[in-house]
Amino acid sequence: MDEQQVPAEWMATSRTGAISVRTTEQGLPLGISVEPAELRRDPAGLAAEVLRLCKQAAGRAGLARRAELEAAGLSADMLALMGLPTPEEVARNEIVEEEEYETEPRSWLRQV
């Protein structure tokens, strides 16, 4: 059988590559990787970035599931009822979330 399967795990990484998450299709974290320098950040900001990445991974997983079901012949109406995101929704959400959270380093100078 040559059926293409959607992966059971999804990854998302911050723009700097310093934080990455491995999640389920629903966005539940299975693993989190944080570079040591990021641990000096404000805990609330770090948590928000991890949550944003989990949501990003879930959105991309939903998009892959939608593509898989479309290829299997499900109608657009059925996909809409399932609540699976469209490519436009995923792109819009990722842009909004990246603008909402500060993902760029505040300074290249290290704190003394």
Protein backbone atom coordinates (compact mmCIF):
# COMPACT_ATOMS: atom_id res chain seq x y z
CA MET A 1 0.00 0.00 0.00
CA ASP A 2 1.48 3.38 -1.07
CA GLU A 3 -0.79 5.64 0.96
CA GLN A 4 0.88 8.80 2.17
CA GLN A 5 0.49 9.18 5.92
CA VAL A 6 0.50 12.43 7.88
CA PRO A 7 3.34 12.34 10.45
CA ALA A 8 2.41 11.67 14.07
CA GLU A 9 4.77 14.43 15.24
CA TRP A 10 5.21 18.00 14.07
CA MET A 11 8.03 20.49 14.56
CA ALA A 12 8.17 24.27 14.72
CA THR A 13 11.23 26.40 15.34
CA SER A 14 11.65 30.05 16.31
CA ARG A 15 13.07 32.46 13.74
CA THR A 16 16.42 32.45 15.52
CA GLY A 17 16.45 28.66 15.80
CA ALA A 18 17.04 28.91 19.55
CA ILE A 19 13.68 27.36 20.49
CA SER A 20 12.02 24.37 18.87
CA VAL A 21 9.05 22.25 19.80
CA ARG A 22 7.93 18.77 18.77
CA THR A 23 4.15 18.33 19.06
CA THR A 24 1.22 16.07 18.36
CA GLU A 25 -1.15 16.91 15.54
CA GLN A 26 -3.25 18.84 18.06
CA GLY A 27 -0.27 20.93 19.21
CA LEU A 28 0.41 19.17 22.52
CA PRO A 29 4.15 19.36 23.23
CA LEU A 30 6.12 16.13 23.06
CA GLY A 31 9.50 17.80 23.37
CA ILE A 32 10.91 21.31 23.77
CA SER A 33 14.45 22.37 22.95
CA VAL A 34 15.69 25.70 24.31
CA GLU A 35 19.23 27.01 23.91
CA PRO A 36 20.77 28.03 27.27
CA ALA A 37 20.89 31.75 26.38
CA GLU A 38 17.09 31.75 25.95
CA LEU A 39 16.64 30.65 29.57
CA ARG A 40 17.70 34.14 30.66
CA ARG A 41 14.61 35.60 29.02
CA ASP A 42 11.53 36.69 30.91
CA PRO A 43 9.73 33.43 31.81
CA ALA A 44 6.37 34.72 30.53
CA GLY A 45 7.93 35.68 27.19
CA LEU A 46 9.63 32.31 26.84
CA ALA A 47 6.39 30.49 27.66
CA ALA A 48 4.49 32.62 25.13
CA GLU A 49 7.04 31.75 22.44
CA VAL A 50 6.76 28.02 23.20
CA LEU A 51 2.96 28.24 23.08
CA ARG A 52 3.12 30.17 19.78
CA LEU A 53 5.32 27.45 18.30
CA CYS A 54 2.96 24.71 19.52
CA LYS A 55 0.05 26.51 17.83
CA GLN A 56 2.12 26.91 14.66
CA ALA A 57 2.90 23.19 14.57
CA ALA A 58 -0.79 22.34 15.12
CA GLY A 59 -1.86 24.66 12.31
CA ARG A 60 0.59 23.06 9.90
CA ALA A 61 -0.54 19.60 11.00
CA GLY A 62 -4.17 20.53 10.37
CA LEU A 63 -3.22 21.81 6.95
CA ALA A 64 -1.47 18.53 6.11
CA ARG A 65 -4.49 16.57 7.36
CA ARG A 66 -6.74 18.72 5.17
CA ALA A 67 -4.56 18.00 2.11
CA GLU A 68 -4.61 14.28 2.89
CA LEU A 69 -8.41 14.24 3.16
CA GLU A 70 -8.84 16.36 0.02
CA ALA A 71 -6.68 13.85 -1.87
CA ALA A 72 -8.92 11.07 -0.52
CA GLY A 73 -11.93 12.82 -2.07
CA LEU A 74 -13.61 14.60 0.86
CA SER A 75 -15.70 17.57 -0.25
CA ALA A 76 -14.94 21.16 0.75
CA ASP A 77 -18.16 21.21 2.79
CA MET A 78 -17.07 18.19 4.83
CA LEU A 79 -13.61 19.68 5.41
CA ALA A 80 -15.22 22.92 6.58
CA LEU A 81 -17.39 20.99 9.05
CA MET A 82 -14.27 19.28 10.41
CA GLY A 83 -12.73 22.66 11.21
CA LEU A 84 -9.48 21.94 9.40
CA PRO A 85 -7.61 25.13 8.50
CA THR A 86 -7.10 26.42 4.96
CA PRO A 87 -3.67 27.46 3.69
CA GLU A 88 -4.77 31.10 3.91
CA GLU A 89 -5.85 30.73 7.55
CA VAL A 90 -2.58 29.08 8.56
CA ALA A 91 -0.51 31.76 6.81
CA ARG A 92 -2.58 34.58 8.32
CA ASN A 93 -2.36 33.12 11.84
CA GLU A 94 1.41 32.65 11.61
CA ILE A 95 1.92 36.24 10.45
CA VAL A 96 -0.33 37.68 13.17
CA GLU A 97 1.31 35.59 15.90
CA GLU A 98 4.83 36.51 14.80
CA GLU A 99 3.93 40.19 14.84
CA GLU A 100 2.28 39.85 18.25
CA TYR A 101 5.34 38.33 19.92
CA GLU A 102 8.80 39.77 19.85
CA THR A 103 10.86 37.15 18.07
CA GLU A 104 13.94 39.23 17.31
CA PRO A 105 16.71 39.69 19.88
CA ARG A 106 16.45 42.98 21.74
CA SER A 107 20.18 43.59 21.49
CA TRP A 108 23.33 41.90 20.32
CA LEU A 109 25.02 43.02 23.51
CA ARG A 110 25.07 40.49 26.28
CA GLN A 111 23.90 41.42 29.74
CA VAL A 112 26.70 41.97 32.29
